[in-house]
N, C-alpha and C. Protein backbone atom coordinates (compact mmCIF):
# COMPACT_ATOMS: atom_id res chain seq x y z
N UNK A 1 -6.58 1.01 -25.27
CA UNK A 1 -5.61 0.33 -26.10
C UNK A 1 -4.19 0.84 -25.80
N UNK A 2 -4.08 2.15 -25.57
CA UNK A 2 -2.77 2.75 -25.28
C UNK A 2 -2.20 2.18 -23.98
N UNK A 3 -3.07 1.98 -22.99
CA UNK A 3 -2.63 1.41 -21.71
C UNK A 3 -2.09 0.00 -21.91
N UNK A 4 -2.78 -0.78 -22.73
CA UNK A 4 -2.35 -2.14 -23.00
C UNK A 4 -0.98 -2.14 -23.69
N UNK A 5 -0.79 -1.25 -24.66
CA UNK A 5 0.50 -1.16 -25.35
C UNK A 5 1.60 -0.80 -24.37
N UNK A 6 1.32 0.16 -23.49
CA UNK A 6 2.32 0.54 -22.49
C UNK A 6 2.65 -0.63 -21.58
N UNK A 7 1.61 -1.36 -21.16
CA UNK A 7 1.81 -2.53 -20.31
C UNK A 7 2.68 -3.57 -21.01
N UNK A 8 2.40 -3.83 -22.28
CA UNK A 8 3.14 -4.85 -23.02
C UNK A 8 4.60 -4.48 -23.22
N UNK A 9 4.91 -3.21 -23.21
CA UNK A 9 6.29 -2.77 -23.40
C UNK A 9 7.10 -2.72 -22.09
N UNK A 10 6.45 -3.00 -20.97
CA UNK A 10 7.15 -3.03 -19.69
C UNK A 10 8.01 -4.29 -19.59
N UNK A 11 8.97 -4.26 -18.69
CA UNK A 11 9.78 -5.45 -18.42
C UNK A 11 8.89 -6.50 -17.75
N UNK A 12 9.36 -7.75 -17.79
CA UNK A 12 8.59 -8.83 -17.15
C UNK A 12 8.49 -8.59 -15.65
N UNK A 13 9.53 -8.03 -15.06
CA UNK A 13 9.51 -7.73 -13.63
C UNK A 13 8.43 -6.72 -13.30
N UNK A 14 8.33 -5.65 -14.10
CA UNK A 14 7.31 -4.64 -13.85
C UNK A 14 5.90 -5.18 -14.10
N UNK A 15 5.74 -6.00 -15.12
CA UNK A 15 4.44 -6.62 -15.38
C UNK A 15 4.01 -7.49 -14.21
N UNK A 16 4.94 -8.31 -13.72
CA UNK A 16 4.63 -9.19 -12.59
C UNK A 16 4.27 -8.39 -11.35
N UNK A 17 4.99 -7.31 -11.12
CA UNK A 17 4.72 -6.46 -9.97
C UNK A 17 3.35 -5.80 -10.07
N UNK A 18 2.98 -5.34 -11.26
CA UNK A 18 1.65 -4.75 -11.46
C UNK A 18 0.55 -5.77 -11.24
N UNK A 19 0.76 -6.99 -11.72
CA UNK A 19 -0.25 -8.04 -11.54
C UNK A 19 -0.38 -8.39 -10.07
N UNK A 20 0.75 -8.51 -9.34
CA UNK A 20 0.69 -8.78 -7.90
C UNK A 20 -0.04 -7.66 -7.17
N UNK A 21 0.29 -6.42 -7.53
CA UNK A 21 -0.37 -5.27 -6.89
C UNK A 21 -1.87 -5.29 -7.16
N UNK A 22 -2.26 -5.60 -8.39
CA UNK A 22 -3.69 -5.64 -8.73
C UNK A 22 -4.42 -6.68 -7.87
N UNK A 23 -3.90 -7.90 -7.84
CA UNK A 23 -4.59 -8.95 -7.09
C UNK A 23 -4.58 -8.69 -5.59
N UNK A 24 -3.52 -8.11 -5.08
CA UNK A 24 -3.50 -7.79 -3.66
C UNK A 24 -4.47 -6.66 -3.34
N UNK A 25 -4.57 -5.66 -4.21
CA UNK A 25 -5.54 -4.58 -3.99
C UNK A 25 -6.97 -5.11 -4.04
N UNK A 26 -7.26 -6.02 -4.96
CA UNK A 26 -8.59 -6.64 -5.01
C UNK A 26 -8.85 -7.42 -3.72
N UNK A 27 -7.86 -8.16 -3.26
CA UNK A 27 -8.00 -8.92 -2.01
C UNK A 27 -8.27 -7.99 -0.84
N UNK A 28 -7.52 -6.90 -0.76
CA UNK A 28 -7.72 -5.93 0.33
C UNK A 28 -9.11 -5.32 0.24
N UNK A 29 -9.56 -4.98 -0.97
CA UNK A 29 -10.89 -4.39 -1.16
C UNK A 29 -11.98 -5.34 -0.66
N UNK A 30 -11.90 -6.59 -1.09
CA UNK A 30 -12.89 -7.59 -0.66
C UNK A 30 -12.80 -7.80 0.85
N UNK A 31 -11.57 -7.89 1.36
CA UNK A 31 -11.38 -8.10 2.79
C UNK A 31 -11.94 -6.97 3.63
N UNK A 32 -11.72 -5.73 3.20
CA UNK A 32 -12.26 -4.59 3.95
C UNK A 32 -13.79 -4.57 3.92
N UNK A 33 -14.37 -5.10 2.86
CA UNK A 33 -15.84 -5.14 2.74
C UNK A 33 -16.47 -6.25 3.56
N UNK A 34 -15.74 -7.35 3.74
CA UNK A 34 -16.34 -8.54 4.33
C UNK A 34 -15.80 -8.95 5.70
N UNK A 35 -14.65 -8.44 6.08
CA UNK A 35 -14.00 -8.93 7.30
C UNK A 35 -13.72 -7.80 8.27
N UNK A 36 -13.64 -8.12 9.55
CA UNK A 36 -13.15 -7.13 10.51
C UNK A 36 -11.70 -6.78 10.16
N UNK A 37 -11.30 -5.57 10.45
CA UNK A 37 -9.98 -5.08 10.10
C UNK A 37 -8.87 -5.97 10.67
N UNK A 38 -9.01 -6.40 11.93
CA UNK A 38 -7.98 -7.24 12.54
C UNK A 38 -7.85 -8.58 11.83
N UNK A 39 -8.96 -9.14 11.37
CA UNK A 39 -8.92 -10.41 10.65
C UNK A 39 -8.20 -10.23 9.32
N UNK A 40 -8.50 -9.14 8.62
CA UNK A 40 -7.82 -8.87 7.35
C UNK A 40 -6.32 -8.72 7.57
N UNK A 41 -5.93 -8.02 8.61
CA UNK A 41 -4.50 -7.84 8.90
C UNK A 41 -3.82 -9.18 9.15
N UNK A 42 -4.49 -10.08 9.87
CA UNK A 42 -3.91 -11.39 10.13
C UNK A 42 -3.78 -12.21 8.85
N UNK A 43 -4.78 -12.12 7.97
CA UNK A 43 -4.69 -12.83 6.69
C UNK A 43 -3.57 -12.27 5.82
N UNK A 44 -3.43 -10.96 5.79
CA UNK A 44 -2.33 -10.35 5.02
C UNK A 44 -0.99 -10.76 5.61
N UNK A 45 -0.91 -10.86 6.93
CA UNK A 45 0.34 -11.28 7.57
C UNK A 45 0.71 -12.69 7.15
N UNK A 46 -0.29 -13.56 7.00
CA UNK A 46 -0.01 -14.93 6.58
C UNK A 46 0.59 -14.97 5.18
N UNK A 47 0.22 -14.02 4.33
CA UNK A 47 0.79 -14.01 2.97
C UNK A 47 2.25 -13.61 2.97
N UNK A 48 2.73 -13.02 4.06
CA UNK A 48 4.13 -12.61 4.12
C UNK A 48 5.01 -13.65 4.79
N UNK A 49 4.42 -14.68 5.38
CA UNK A 49 5.20 -15.71 6.07
C UNK A 49 5.92 -16.59 5.06
N UNK A 50 7.07 -17.05 5.47
CA UNK A 50 7.80 -18.01 4.65
C UNK A 50 8.51 -17.41 3.46
N UNK A 51 8.53 -16.11 3.34
CA UNK A 51 9.23 -15.48 2.22
C UNK A 51 10.69 -15.34 2.60
N UNK A 52 11.57 -15.75 1.72
CA UNK A 52 12.99 -15.60 2.02
C UNK A 52 13.65 -14.76 0.95
N UNK A 53 13.96 -13.55 1.29
CA UNK A 53 14.66 -12.63 0.42
C UNK A 53 15.96 -12.26 1.10
N UNK A 54 16.97 -12.00 0.32
CA UNK A 54 18.22 -11.52 0.85
C UNK A 54 18.04 -10.06 1.21
N UNK A 55 17.98 -9.76 2.51
CA UNK A 55 17.69 -8.40 2.96
C UNK A 55 18.76 -7.43 2.49
N UNK A 56 20.04 -7.85 2.45
CA UNK A 56 21.10 -6.96 2.00
C UNK A 56 20.91 -6.55 0.55
N UNK A 57 20.39 -7.43 -0.27
CA UNK A 57 20.24 -7.13 -1.69
C UNK A 57 19.03 -6.25 -1.97
N UNK A 58 18.12 -6.13 -1.00
CA UNK A 58 16.92 -5.34 -1.23
C UNK A 58 17.25 -3.86 -1.14
N UNK A 59 17.09 -3.16 -2.22
CA UNK A 59 17.46 -1.75 -2.31
C UNK A 59 16.23 -0.86 -2.24
N UNK A 60 16.45 0.42 -1.93
CA UNK A 60 15.36 1.38 -1.83
C UNK A 60 14.62 1.51 -3.16
N UNK A 61 15.34 1.38 -4.29
CA UNK A 61 14.67 1.53 -5.58
C UNK A 61 13.66 0.41 -5.81
N UNK A 62 13.87 -0.76 -5.18
CA UNK A 62 12.88 -1.82 -5.29
C UNK A 62 11.61 -1.45 -4.52
N UNK A 63 11.76 -0.76 -3.39
CA UNK A 63 10.57 -0.32 -2.66
C UNK A 63 9.82 0.70 -3.51
N UNK A 64 10.55 1.53 -4.23
CA UNK A 64 9.90 2.50 -5.11
C UNK A 64 9.12 1.79 -6.21
N UNK A 65 9.60 0.63 -6.65
CA UNK A 65 8.87 -0.16 -7.65
C UNK A 65 7.53 -0.63 -7.11
N UNK A 66 7.51 -1.07 -5.86
CA UNK A 66 6.26 -1.51 -5.23
C UNK A 66 5.30 -0.32 -5.11
N UNK A 67 5.82 0.82 -4.64
CA UNK A 67 4.98 2.01 -4.51
C UNK A 67 4.45 2.44 -5.87
N UNK A 68 5.30 2.39 -6.89
CA UNK A 68 4.89 2.73 -8.25
C UNK A 68 3.76 1.81 -8.71
N UNK A 69 3.93 0.50 -8.54
CA UNK A 69 2.93 -0.47 -9.02
C UNK A 69 1.59 -0.28 -8.32
N UNK A 70 1.61 -0.12 -7.01
CA UNK A 70 0.37 0.08 -6.25
C UNK A 70 -0.31 1.38 -6.70
N UNK A 71 0.47 2.42 -6.92
CA UNK A 71 -0.08 3.69 -7.38
C UNK A 71 -0.69 3.61 -8.76
N UNK A 72 -0.01 2.94 -9.68
CA UNK A 72 -0.52 2.79 -11.05
C UNK A 72 -1.83 2.02 -11.04
N UNK A 73 -1.87 0.91 -10.35
CA UNK A 73 -3.10 0.11 -10.28
C UNK A 73 -4.20 0.92 -9.62
N UNK A 74 -3.89 1.63 -8.54
CA UNK A 74 -4.89 2.44 -7.85
C UNK A 74 -5.48 3.54 -8.72
N UNK A 75 -4.62 4.17 -9.55
CA UNK A 75 -5.11 5.22 -10.45
C UNK A 75 -5.99 4.67 -11.56
N UNK A 76 -5.66 3.49 -12.07
CA UNK A 76 -6.41 2.91 -13.18
C UNK A 76 -7.67 2.16 -12.74
N UNK A 77 -7.72 1.80 -11.46
CA UNK A 77 -8.88 1.10 -10.91
C UNK A 77 -9.28 1.78 -9.60
N UNK A 78 -9.96 2.93 -9.67
CA UNK A 78 -10.25 3.72 -8.47
C UNK A 78 -11.04 2.97 -7.39
N UNK A 79 -11.84 1.99 -7.76
CA UNK A 79 -12.63 1.28 -6.75
C UNK A 79 -11.75 0.42 -5.83
N UNK A 80 -10.51 0.15 -6.25
CA UNK A 80 -9.58 -0.59 -5.38
C UNK A 80 -8.37 0.28 -5.03
N UNK A 81 -8.49 1.58 -5.25
CA UNK A 81 -7.34 2.44 -5.08
C UNK A 81 -7.43 3.49 -4.00
N UNK A 82 -8.22 3.28 -2.95
CA UNK A 82 -8.26 4.28 -1.88
C UNK A 82 -6.92 4.27 -1.14
N UNK A 83 -6.68 5.31 -0.38
CA UNK A 83 -5.42 5.42 0.35
C UNK A 83 -5.23 4.25 1.31
N UNK A 84 -6.29 3.82 1.97
CA UNK A 84 -6.17 2.70 2.91
C UNK A 84 -5.85 1.40 2.18
N UNK A 85 -6.52 1.16 1.07
CA UNK A 85 -6.26 -0.06 0.30
C UNK A 85 -4.84 -0.08 -0.24
N UNK A 86 -4.40 1.06 -0.77
CA UNK A 86 -3.04 1.14 -1.30
C UNK A 86 -2.01 0.97 -0.19
N UNK A 87 -2.24 1.61 0.95
CA UNK A 87 -1.29 1.51 2.05
C UNK A 87 -1.20 0.07 2.58
N UNK A 88 -2.34 -0.60 2.72
CA UNK A 88 -2.33 -1.99 3.18
C UNK A 88 -1.64 -2.91 2.17
N UNK A 89 -1.93 -2.73 0.89
CA UNK A 89 -1.33 -3.57 -0.14
C UNK A 89 0.19 -3.35 -0.20
N UNK A 90 0.62 -2.10 -0.20
CA UNK A 90 2.05 -1.81 -0.25
C UNK A 90 2.74 -2.31 1.02
N UNK A 91 2.09 -2.15 2.15
CA UNK A 91 2.63 -2.63 3.43
C UNK A 91 2.89 -4.14 3.35
N UNK A 92 1.92 -4.88 2.79
CA UNK A 92 2.06 -6.33 2.67
C UNK A 92 3.14 -6.70 1.65
N UNK A 93 3.13 -6.04 0.49
CA UNK A 93 4.14 -6.34 -0.53
C UNK A 93 5.55 -6.05 -0.03
N UNK A 94 5.72 -4.97 0.68
CA UNK A 94 7.04 -4.63 1.21
C UNK A 94 7.44 -5.53 2.37
N UNK A 95 6.46 -5.95 3.17
CA UNK A 95 6.76 -6.89 4.26
C UNK A 95 7.25 -8.22 3.70
N UNK A 96 6.72 -8.64 2.57
CA UNK A 96 7.19 -9.87 1.92
C UNK A 96 8.68 -9.78 1.60
N UNK A 97 9.15 -8.58 1.37
CA UNK A 97 10.55 -8.37 1.02
C UNK A 97 11.39 -7.91 2.23
N UNK A 98 10.78 -8.01 3.41
CA UNK A 98 11.44 -7.62 4.66
C UNK A 98 11.88 -6.16 4.63
N UNK A 99 11.11 -5.34 3.97
CA UNK A 99 11.40 -3.91 3.91
C UNK A 99 10.58 -3.23 5.02
N UNK A 100 11.21 -2.53 5.94
CA UNK A 100 10.48 -1.98 7.09
C UNK A 100 9.58 -0.80 6.72
N UNK A 101 8.32 -0.95 7.04
CA UNK A 101 7.36 0.15 6.84
C UNK A 101 6.47 0.26 8.05
N UNK A 102 5.88 1.42 8.19
CA UNK A 102 4.92 1.66 9.25
C UNK A 102 3.68 2.27 8.61
N UNK A 103 2.53 1.62 8.82
CA UNK A 103 1.27 2.09 8.29
C UNK A 103 0.64 3.05 9.29
N UNK A 104 0.25 4.22 8.81
CA UNK A 104 -0.38 5.23 9.66
C UNK A 104 -1.79 5.51 9.17
N UNK A 105 -2.68 5.73 10.11
CA UNK A 105 -4.05 6.15 9.79
C UNK A 105 -4.34 7.37 10.65
N UNK A 106 -4.82 8.42 10.01
CA UNK A 106 -5.10 9.66 10.73
C UNK A 106 -6.39 10.30 10.25
N UNK A 107 -6.83 11.33 10.99
CA UNK A 107 -8.06 12.05 10.64
C UNK A 107 -7.82 13.55 10.74
N UNK A 108 -8.69 14.27 10.07
CA UNK A 108 -8.73 15.72 10.16
C UNK A 108 -10.16 16.14 9.87
N UNK A 109 -10.41 17.44 9.94
CA UNK A 109 -11.72 17.98 9.56
C UNK A 109 -11.51 18.95 8.40
N UNK A 110 -12.45 18.92 7.46
CA UNK A 110 -12.37 19.88 6.37
C UNK A 110 -12.96 21.21 6.82
N UNK A 111 -13.05 22.16 5.92
CA UNK A 111 -13.55 23.50 6.25
C UNK A 111 -14.98 23.51 6.77
N UNK A 112 -15.75 22.48 6.44
CA UNK A 112 -17.15 22.40 6.88
C UNK A 112 -17.32 21.55 8.14
N UNK A 113 -16.20 21.08 8.72
CA UNK A 113 -16.27 20.28 9.93
C UNK A 113 -16.42 18.79 9.70
N UNK A 114 -16.42 18.36 8.44
CA UNK A 114 -16.58 16.94 8.12
C UNK A 114 -15.26 16.20 8.36
N UNK A 115 -15.36 15.01 9.00
CA UNK A 115 -14.18 14.21 9.23
C UNK A 115 -13.64 13.65 7.91
N UNK A 116 -12.33 13.70 7.76
CA UNK A 116 -11.65 13.08 6.63
C UNK A 116 -10.59 12.15 7.18
N UNK A 117 -10.46 11.00 6.59
CA UNK A 117 -9.44 10.05 7.02
C UNK A 117 -8.40 9.86 5.93
N UNK A 118 -7.21 9.44 6.35
CA UNK A 118 -6.15 9.19 5.38
C UNK A 118 -5.22 8.12 5.95
N UNK A 119 -4.68 7.30 5.05
CA UNK A 119 -3.69 6.29 5.42
C UNK A 119 -2.44 6.54 4.59
N UNK A 120 -1.28 6.36 5.24
CA UNK A 120 -0.03 6.54 4.53
C UNK A 120 1.01 5.58 5.08
N UNK A 121 2.07 5.39 4.32
CA UNK A 121 3.16 4.51 4.73
C UNK A 121 4.42 5.31 4.95
N UNK A 122 5.15 4.95 5.98
CA UNK A 122 6.45 5.54 6.24
C UNK A 122 7.49 4.44 6.32
N UNK A 123 8.71 4.79 5.97
CA UNK A 123 9.84 3.90 6.15
C UNK A 123 11.00 4.74 6.66
N UNK A 124 11.55 4.33 7.78
CA UNK A 124 12.66 5.07 8.40
C UNK A 124 12.34 6.55 8.57
N UNK A 125 11.11 6.85 8.95
CA UNK A 125 10.70 8.22 9.22
C UNK A 125 10.34 9.04 8.00
N UNK A 126 10.42 8.46 6.80
CA UNK A 126 10.07 9.17 5.57
C UNK A 126 8.77 8.63 5.00
N UNK A 127 7.89 9.52 4.58
CA UNK A 127 6.63 9.10 3.95
C UNK A 127 6.95 8.58 2.56
N UNK A 128 6.56 7.32 2.29
CA UNK A 128 6.82 6.73 0.98
C UNK A 128 5.56 6.51 0.16
N UNK A 129 4.39 6.62 0.80
CA UNK A 129 3.11 6.48 0.10
C UNK A 129 2.08 7.33 0.81
N UNK A 130 1.33 8.13 0.07
CA UNK A 130 0.27 8.94 0.65
C UNK A 130 0.72 10.32 1.09
N UNK A 131 1.90 10.73 0.70
CA UNK A 131 2.44 12.01 1.14
C UNK A 131 1.76 13.22 0.54
N UNK A 132 1.17 13.06 -0.63
CA UNK A 132 0.51 14.19 -1.30
C UNK A 132 -0.62 14.76 -0.43
N UNK A 133 -1.45 13.90 0.10
CA UNK A 133 -2.55 14.35 0.96
C UNK A 133 -2.03 14.97 2.25
N UNK A 134 -0.91 14.46 2.75
CA UNK A 134 -0.33 15.01 3.98
C UNK A 134 0.19 16.43 3.77
N UNK A 135 0.63 16.72 2.55
CA UNK A 135 1.10 18.07 2.26
C UNK A 135 -0.06 19.06 2.15
N UNK A 136 -1.25 18.55 1.84
CA UNK A 136 -2.42 19.41 1.67
C UNK A 136 -3.19 19.64 2.97
N UNK A 137 -3.15 18.68 3.88
CA UNK A 137 -3.90 18.75 5.14
C UNK A 137 -3.03 18.23 6.27
N UNK A 138 -3.31 18.66 7.47
CA UNK A 138 -2.66 18.09 8.65
C UNK A 138 -3.60 17.03 9.23
N UNK A 139 -3.12 15.80 9.31
CA UNK A 139 -3.90 14.70 9.86
C UNK A 139 -3.39 14.36 11.25
N UNK A 140 -4.31 14.17 12.17
CA UNK A 140 -3.96 13.72 13.51
C UNK A 140 -3.85 12.21 13.48
N UNK A 141 -2.67 11.66 13.75
CA UNK A 141 -2.51 10.20 13.70
C UNK A 141 -3.35 9.51 14.77
N UNK A 142 -4.04 8.46 14.36
CA UNK A 142 -4.83 7.65 15.29
C UNK A 142 -4.19 6.29 15.53
N UNK A 143 -3.51 5.78 14.53
CA UNK A 143 -3.00 4.42 14.59
C UNK A 143 -1.71 4.34 13.78
N UNK A 144 -0.74 3.64 14.30
CA UNK A 144 0.50 3.34 13.58
C UNK A 144 0.81 1.87 13.77
N UNK A 145 1.03 1.17 12.66
CA UNK A 145 1.29 -0.28 12.72
C UNK A 145 2.61 -0.59 12.05
N UNK A 146 3.51 -1.22 12.80
CA UNK A 146 4.77 -1.65 12.21
C UNK A 146 4.61 -2.96 11.48
N UNK A 147 3.80 -3.85 12.03
CA UNK A 147 3.64 -5.20 11.48
C UNK A 147 2.17 -5.46 11.20
N UNK A 148 1.92 -6.29 10.22
CA UNK A 148 0.54 -6.61 9.88
C UNK A 148 -0.16 -7.38 10.98
N UNK A 149 0.55 -8.22 11.70
CA UNK A 149 -0.10 -9.08 12.69
C UNK A 149 -0.36 -8.42 14.02
N UNK A 150 0.11 -7.18 14.25
CA UNK A 150 -0.13 -6.48 15.54
C UNK A 150 -1.58 -6.25 15.79
C-alpha cells in the first residue's frame, strides 16, 4: 500500500516513465526467454526508430530519470530486474531520446572459480548503470554495443 501511495504522489512524467520502464523490462524478459539475442536487439532497435526529440534539449538529468525508473522497477520486480535486462531496457529508452550509451557485457570468476556475468551502461566513458557491481568485482569485457541494431 505504501508503494502505491508513493507512486500516486509522483509527477505524471515520473509515473509515465515508470510504466514505460516496466513494460520495456517485461518485453526484454520475454524476449530473452524466447528469442535469440540478435533478434531481440533488432526488435528493440525498431522501437527506437522514428522518434524525434530535440537533442539539444535533452539534458543529463533526464538520462538519470531513465536510470532511476529502470532501477526502481528492477528492485520492485526482481524477475525482470537482472543487470542485463535493466541495461537493455535503459539502452533502448535512452536511444529513443538520442542519448548516447554503450552497453557492456563482461565476465569474471568468483572465489570458487564460478563464472559471473554482468552488464552495464556507459555514456561518454562514465558508467551510468550497473556501476555498483563493477566496484565490487573486476569484469573482463566481452562485448560492447553502441547501437541496438549492431
